[in-house]
Amino acid sequence: MSTVTGPDWFKSSYSSAQGDSCVEVAVADTAVHVHDSKDVTRPALAVGREGWGRFVRYAAAR
């Protein structure tokens, strides 16, 4: 019997130390998944890897 595991989620290094305002990200083969760590019952937002890269470059330039 094999075990199916979910994606490995990680928090932004900019998340607060109290853990009260965290965005978590999981990288998959074709997409990057993003969700609010305070409400994991909502589905994650899936963004194409290329689009995620553009977003990160844009945010880093600000």
PDB file of N, CA and C in Angstrom:
ATOM      1  N   MET A   1       0.845  -1.176   0.000  1.00  0.00           N
ATOM      2  CA  MET A   1       0.000   0.000   0.000  1.00  0.00           C
ATOM      3  C   MET A   1       0.887   1.235   0.000  1.00  0.00           C
ATOM      4  N   SER A   2       0.598   2.195  -0.871  1.00  0.00           N
ATOM      5  CA  SER A   2       1.388   3.419  -0.927  1.00  0.00           C
ATOM      6  C   SER A   2       0.664   4.530  -0.176  1.00  0.00           C
ATOM      7  N   THR A   3       1.440   5.480   0.284  1.00  0.00           N
ATOM      8  CA  THR A   3       0.892   6.621   1.006  1.00  0.00           C
ATOM      9  C   THR A   3       0.957   7.842   0.112  1.00  0.00           C
ATOM     10  N   VAL A   4      -0.144   8.541  -0.003  1.00  0.00           N
ATOM     11  CA  VAL A   4      -0.179   9.773  -0.774  1.00  0.00           C
ATOM     12  C   VAL A   4      -0.011  10.922   0.202  1.00  0.00           C
ATOM     13  N   THR A   5       0.938  11.777  -0.091  1.00  0.00           N
ATOM     14  CA  THR A   5       1.169  12.926   0.781  1.00  0.00           C
ATOM     15  C   THR A   5       0.841  14.202   0.031  1.00  0.00           C
ATOM     16  N   GLY A   6       0.523  15.222   0.770  1.00  0.00           N
ATOM     17  CA  GLY A   6       0.234  16.518   0.177  1.00  0.00           C
ATOM     18  C   GLY A   6       1.514  17.279  -0.094  1.00  0.00           C
ATOM     19  N   PRO A   7       1.367  18.468  -0.618  1.00  0.00           N
ATOM     20  CA  PRO A   7       2.553  19.275  -0.912  1.00  0.00           C
ATOM     21  C   PRO A   7       3.236  19.728   0.376  1.00  0.00           C
ATOM     22  N   ASP A   8       4.515  20.036   0.260  1.00  0.00           N
ATOM     23  CA  ASP A   8       5.259  20.583   1.392  1.00  0.00           C
ATOM     24  C   ASP A   8       5.072  22.097   1.405  1.00  0.00           C
ATOM     25  N   TRP A   9       4.344  22.582   2.407  1.00  0.00           N
ATOM     26  CA  TRP A   9       4.057  24.009   2.533  1.00  0.00           C
ATOM     27  C   TRP A   9       5.163  24.682   3.328  1.00  0.00           C
ATOM     28  N   PHE A  10       5.506  25.924   2.948  1.00  0.00           N
ATOM     29  CA  PHE A  10       6.449  26.698   3.747  1.00  0.00           C
ATOM     30  C   PHE A  10       5.961  28.135   3.842  1.00  0.00           C
ATOM     31  N   LYS A  11       6.362  28.790   4.922  1.00  0.00           N
ATOM     32  CA  LYS A  11       5.940  30.167   5.176  1.00  0.00           C
ATOM     33  C   LYS A  11       6.988  31.147   4.665  1.00  0.00           C
ATOM     34  N   SER A  12       6.518  32.310   4.335  1.00  0.00           N
ATOM     35  CA  SER A  12       7.416  33.375   3.913  1.00  0.00           C
ATOM     36  C   SER A  12       8.344  33.757   5.054  1.00  0.00           C
ATOM     37  N   SER A  13       9.562  34.115   4.713  1.00  0.00           N
ATOM     38  CA  SER A  13      10.500  34.582   5.736  1.00  0.00           C
ATOM     39  C   SER A  13      10.063  35.937   6.301  1.00  0.00           C
ATOM     40  N   TYR A  14       9.109  36.587   5.637  1.00  0.00           N
ATOM     41  CA  TYR A  14       8.588  37.863   6.117  1.00  0.00           C
ATOM     42  C   TYR A  14       7.372  37.696   7.028  1.00  0.00           C
ATOM     43  N   SER A  15       6.933  36.480   7.273  1.00  0.00           N
ATOM     44  CA  SER A  15       5.801  36.246   8.166  1.00  0.00           C
ATOM     45  C   SER A  15       6.164  36.677   9.578  1.00  0.00           C
ATOM     46  N   SER A  16       5.169  37.125  10.311  1.00  0.00           N
ATOM     47  CA  SER A  16       5.440  37.598  11.669  1.00  0.00           C
ATOM     48  C   SER A  16       5.843  36.444  12.583  1.00  0.00           C
ATOM     49  N   ALA A  17       6.590  36.746  13.601  1.00  0.00           N
ATOM     50  CA  ALA A  17       7.060  35.734  14.553  1.00  0.00           C
ATOM     51  C   ALA A  17       5.902  35.111  15.328  1.00  0.00           C
ATOM     52  N   GLN A  18       4.790  35.838  15.481  1.00  0.00           N
ATOM     53  CA  GLN A  18       3.632  35.324  16.198  1.00  0.00           C
ATOM     54  C   GLN A  18       2.841  34.327  15.356  1.00  0.00           C
ATOM     55  N   GLY A  19       3.105  34.276  14.058  1.00  0.00           N
ATOM     56  CA  GLY A  19       2.396  33.342  13.191  1.00  0.00           C
ATOM     57  C   GLY A  19       0.967  33.735  12.896  1.00  0.00           C
ATOM     58  N   ASP A  20       0.636  35.021  13.092  1.00  0.00           N
ATOM     59  CA  ASP A  20      -0.751  35.435  12.917  1.00  0.00           C
ATOM     60  C   ASP A  20      -1.055  36.015  11.541  1.00  0.00           C
ATOM     61  N   SER A  21      -0.066  36.186  10.707  1.00  0.00           N
ATOM     62  CA  SER A  21      -0.319  36.726   9.360  1.00  0.00           C
ATOM     63  C   SER A  21       0.615  36.053   8.373  1.00  0.00           C
ATOM     64  N   CYS A  22       0.311  34.818   8.072  1.00  0.00           N
ATOM     65  CA  CYS A  22       1.218  34.025   7.251  1.00  0.00           C
ATOM     66  C   CYS A  22       0.579  33.582   5.944  1.00  0.00           C
ATOM     67  N   VAL A  23       1.345  33.693   4.914  1.00  0.00           N
ATOM     68  CA  VAL A  23       1.001  33.107   3.629  1.00  0.00           C
ATOM     69  C   VAL A  23       1.920  31.911   3.470  1.00  0.00           C
ATOM     70  N   GLU A  24       1.358  30.777   3.089  1.00  0.00           N
ATOM     71  CA  GLU A  24       2.158  29.583   2.870  1.00  0.00           C
ATOM     72  C   GLU A  24       2.158  29.244   1.391  1.00  0.00           C
ATOM     73  N   VAL A  25       3.266  28.683   0.940  1.00  0.00           N
ATOM     74  CA  VAL A  25       3.465  28.369  -0.466  1.00  0.00           C
ATOM     75  C   VAL A  25       3.937  26.929  -0.589  1.00  0.00           C
ATOM     76  N   ALA A  26       3.461  26.248  -1.616  1.00  0.00           N
ATOM     77  CA  ALA A  26       3.925  24.901  -1.940  1.00  0.00           C
ATOM     78  C   ALA A  26       4.217  24.862  -3.437  1.00  0.00           C
ATOM     79  N   VAL A  27       5.414  24.407  -3.788  1.00  0.00           N
ATOM     80  CA  VAL A  27       5.827  24.362  -5.188  1.00  0.00           C
ATOM     81  C   VAL A  27       5.601  22.954  -5.734  1.00  0.00           C
ATOM     82  N   ALA A  28       4.899  22.868  -6.855  1.00  0.00           N
ATOM     83  CA  ALA A  28       4.649  21.594  -7.531  1.00  0.00           C
ATOM     84  C   ALA A  28       5.297  21.652  -8.915  1.00  0.00           C
ATOM     85  N   ASP A  29       5.168  20.577  -9.659  1.00  0.00           N
ATOM     86  CA  ASP A  29       5.795  20.509 -10.979  1.00  0.00           C
ATOM     87  C   ASP A  29       5.323  21.603 -11.926  1.00  0.00           C
ATOM     88  N   THR A  30       4.031  21.851 -11.967  1.00  0.00           N
ATOM     89  CA  THR A  30       3.489  22.799 -12.940  1.00  0.00           C
ATOM     90  C   THR A  30       2.895  24.059 -12.341  1.00  0.00           C
ATOM     91  N   ALA A  31       2.805  24.140 -11.014  1.00  0.00           N
ATOM     92  CA  ALA A  31       2.165  25.298 -10.387  1.00  0.00           C
ATOM     93  C   ALA A  31       2.760  25.566  -9.015  1.00  0.00           C
ATOM     94  N   VAL A  32       2.503  26.768  -8.542  1.00  0.00           N
ATOM     95  CA  VAL A  32       2.830  27.150  -7.175  1.00  0.00           C
ATOM     96  C   VAL A  32       1.495  27.379  -6.489  1.00  0.00           C
ATOM     97  N   HIS A  33       1.309  26.760  -5.338  1.00  0.00           N
ATOM     98  CA  HIS A  33       0.058  26.854  -4.592  1.00  0.00           C
ATOM     99  C   HIS A  33       0.269  27.800  -3.420  1.00  0.00           C
ATOM    100  N   VAL A  34      -0.710  28.670  -3.186  1.00  0.00           N
ATOM    101  CA  VAL A  34      -0.614  29.681  -2.132  1.00  0.00           C
ATOM    102  C   VAL A  34      -1.884  29.610  -1.299  1.00  0.00           C
ATOM    103  N   HIS A  35      -1.722  29.663   0.039  1.00  0.00           N
ATOM    104  CA  HIS A  35      -2.911  29.742   0.885  1.00  0.00           C
ATOM    105  C   HIS A  35      -2.606  30.504   2.164  1.00  0.00           C
ATOM    106  N   ASP A  36      -3.680  30.890   2.830  1.00  0.00           N
ATOM    107  CA  ASP A  36      -3.613  31.598   4.108  1.00  0.00           C
ATOM    108  C   ASP A  36      -3.492  30.553   5.200  1.00  0.00           C
ATOM    109  N   SER A  37      -2.421  30.587   5.978  1.00  0.00           N
ATOM    110  CA  SER A  37      -2.210  29.556   6.995  1.00  0.00           C
ATOM    111  C   SER A  37      -3.236  29.618   8.121  1.00  0.00           C
ATOM    112  N   LYS A  38      -3.947  30.741   8.240  1.00  0.00           N
ATOM    113  CA  LYS A  38      -4.971  30.852   9.275  1.00  0.00           C
ATOM    114  C   LYS A  38      -6.273  30.186   8.860  1.00  0.00           C
ATOM    115  N   ASP A  39      -6.454  29.940   7.562  1.00  0.00           N
ATOM    116  CA  ASP A  39      -7.701  29.350   7.078  1.00  0.00           C
ATOM    117  C   ASP A  39      -7.383  28.318   5.998  1.00  0.00           C
ATOM    118  N   VAL A  40      -6.919  27.160   6.409  1.00  0.00           N
ATOM    119  CA  VAL A  40      -6.538  26.114   5.463  1.00  0.00           C
ATOM    120  C   VAL A  40      -7.745  25.343   4.924  1.00  0.00           C
ATOM    121  N   THR A  41      -8.961  25.706   5.372  1.00  0.00           N
ATOM    122  CA  THR A  41     -10.154  25.049   4.843  1.00  0.00           C
ATOM    123  C   THR A  41     -10.499  25.569   3.449  1.00  0.00           C
ATOM    124  N   ARG A  42     -10.035  26.752   3.121  1.00  0.00           N
ATOM    125  CA  ARG A  42     -10.266  27.303   1.784  1.00  0.00           C
ATOM    126  C   ARG A  42      -9.275  26.677   0.820  1.00  0.00           C
ATOM    127  N   PRO A  43      -9.687  26.514  -0.426  1.00  0.00           N
ATOM    128  CA  PRO A  43      -8.754  25.939  -1.398  1.00  0.00           C
ATOM    129  C   PRO A  43      -7.595  26.897  -1.666  1.00  0.00           C
ATOM    130  N   ALA A  44      -6.458  26.316  -1.982  1.00  0.00           N
ATOM    131  CA  ALA A  44      -5.282  27.116  -2.299  1.00  0.00           C
ATOM    132  C   ALA A  44      -5.430  27.722  -3.690  1.00  0.00           C
ATOM    133  N   LEU A  45      -4.787  28.841  -3.885  1.00  0.00           N
ATOM    134  CA  LEU A  45      -4.701  29.476  -5.187  1.00  0.00           C
ATOM    135  C   LEU A  45      -3.544  28.814  -5.934  1.00  0.00           C
ATOM    136  N   ALA A  46      -3.772  28.365  -7.146  1.00  0.00           N
ATOM    137  CA  ALA A  46      -2.712  27.746  -7.948  1.00  0.00           C
ATOM    138  C   ALA A  46      -2.307  28.715  -9.049  1.00  0.00           C
ATOM    139  N   VAL A  47      -1.014  28.985  -9.124  1.00  0.00           N
ATOM    140  CA  VAL A  47      -0.469  29.907 -10.110  1.00  0.00           C
ATOM    141  C   VAL A  47       0.598  29.170 -10.908  1.00  0.00           C
ATOM    142  N   GLY A  48       0.621  29.371 -12.214  1.00  0.00           N
ATOM    143  CA  GLY A  48       1.666  28.763 -13.029  1.00  0.00           C
ATOM    144  C   GLY A  48       3.045  29.201 -12.548  1.00  0.00           C
ATOM    145  N   ARG A  49       4.020  28.340 -12.693  1.00  0.00           N
ATOM    146  CA  ARG A  49       5.365  28.652 -12.201  1.00  0.00           C
ATOM    147  C   ARG A  49       5.937  29.905 -12.864  1.00  0.00           C
ATOM    148  N   GLU A  50       5.676  30.094 -14.141  1.00  0.00           N
ATOM    149  CA  GLU A  50       6.180  31.284 -14.827  1.00  0.00           C
ATOM    150  C   GLU A  50       5.522  32.548 -14.265  1.00  0.00           C
ATOM    151  N   GLY A  51       4.211  32.495 -14.067  1.00  0.00           N
ATOM    152  CA  GLY A  51       3.501  33.630 -13.487  1.00  0.00           C
ATOM    153  C   GLY A  51       3.963  33.931 -12.071  1.00  0.00           C
ATOM    154  N   TRP A  52       4.222  32.890 -11.286  1.00  0.00           N
ATOM    155  CA  TRP A  52       4.724  33.074  -9.926  1.00  0.00           C
ATOM    156  C   TRP A  52       6.091  33.759  -9.962  1.00  0.00           C
ATOM    157  N   GLY A  53       6.936  33.342 -10.880  1.00  0.00           N
ATOM    158  CA  GLY A  53       8.255  33.962 -11.009  1.00  0.00           C
ATOM    159  C   GLY A  53       8.146  35.441 -11.332  1.00  0.00           C
ATOM    160  N   ARG A  54       7.232  35.804 -12.239  1.00  0.00           N
ATOM    161  CA  ARG A  54       7.026  37.223 -12.555  1.00  0.00           C
ATOM    162  C   ARG A  54       6.538  37.986 -11.337  1.00  0.00           C
ATOM    163  N   PHE A  55       5.617  37.390 -10.570  1.00  0.00           N
ATOM    164  CA  PHE A  55       5.110  38.044  -9.368  1.00  0.00           C
ATOM    165  C   PHE A  55       6.233  38.276  -8.355  1.00  0.00           C
ATOM    166  N   VAL A  56       7.054  37.276  -8.117  1.00  0.00           N
ATOM    167  CA  VAL A  56       8.143  37.406  -7.138  1.00  0.00           C
ATOM    168  C   VAL A  56       9.138  38.478  -7.586  1.00  0.00           C
ATOM    169  N   ARG A  57       9.486  38.491  -8.868  1.00  0.00           N
ATOM    170  CA  ARG A  57      10.412  39.525  -9.358  1.00  0.00           C
ATOM    171  C   ARG A  57       9.807  40.920  -9.199  1.00  0.00           C
ATOM    172  N   TYR A  58       8.510  41.049  -9.485  1.00  0.00           N
ATOM    173  CA  TYR A  58       7.820  42.333  -9.333  1.00  0.00           C
ATOM    174  C   TYR A  58       7.835  42.762  -7.862  1.00  0.00           C
ATOM    175  N   ALA A  59       7.473  41.846  -6.963  1.00  0.00           N
ATOM    176  CA  ALA A  59       7.413  42.184  -5.532  1.00  0.00           C
ATOM    177  C   ALA A  59       8.800  42.533  -4.995  1.00  0.00           C
ATOM    178  N   ALA A  60       9.826  41.844  -5.448  1.00  0.00           N
ATOM    179  CA  ALA A  60      11.183  42.096  -4.964  1.00  0.00           C
ATOM    180  C   ALA A  60      11.680  43.474  -5.409  1.00  0.00           C
ATOM    181  N   ALA A  61      11.173  43.970  -6.514  1.00  0.00           N
ATOM    182  CA  ALA A  61      11.609  45.260  -7.028  1.00  0.00           C
ATOM    183  C   ALA A  61      10.940  46.432  -6.312  1.00  0.00           C
ATOM    184  N   ARG A  62       9.961  46.152  -5.483  1.00  0.00           N
ATOM    185  CA  ARG A  62       9.223  47.228  -4.784  1.00  0.00           C
ATOM    186  C   ARG A  62       9.834  47.578  -3.495  1.00  0.00           C
TER     187      ARG A  62
END
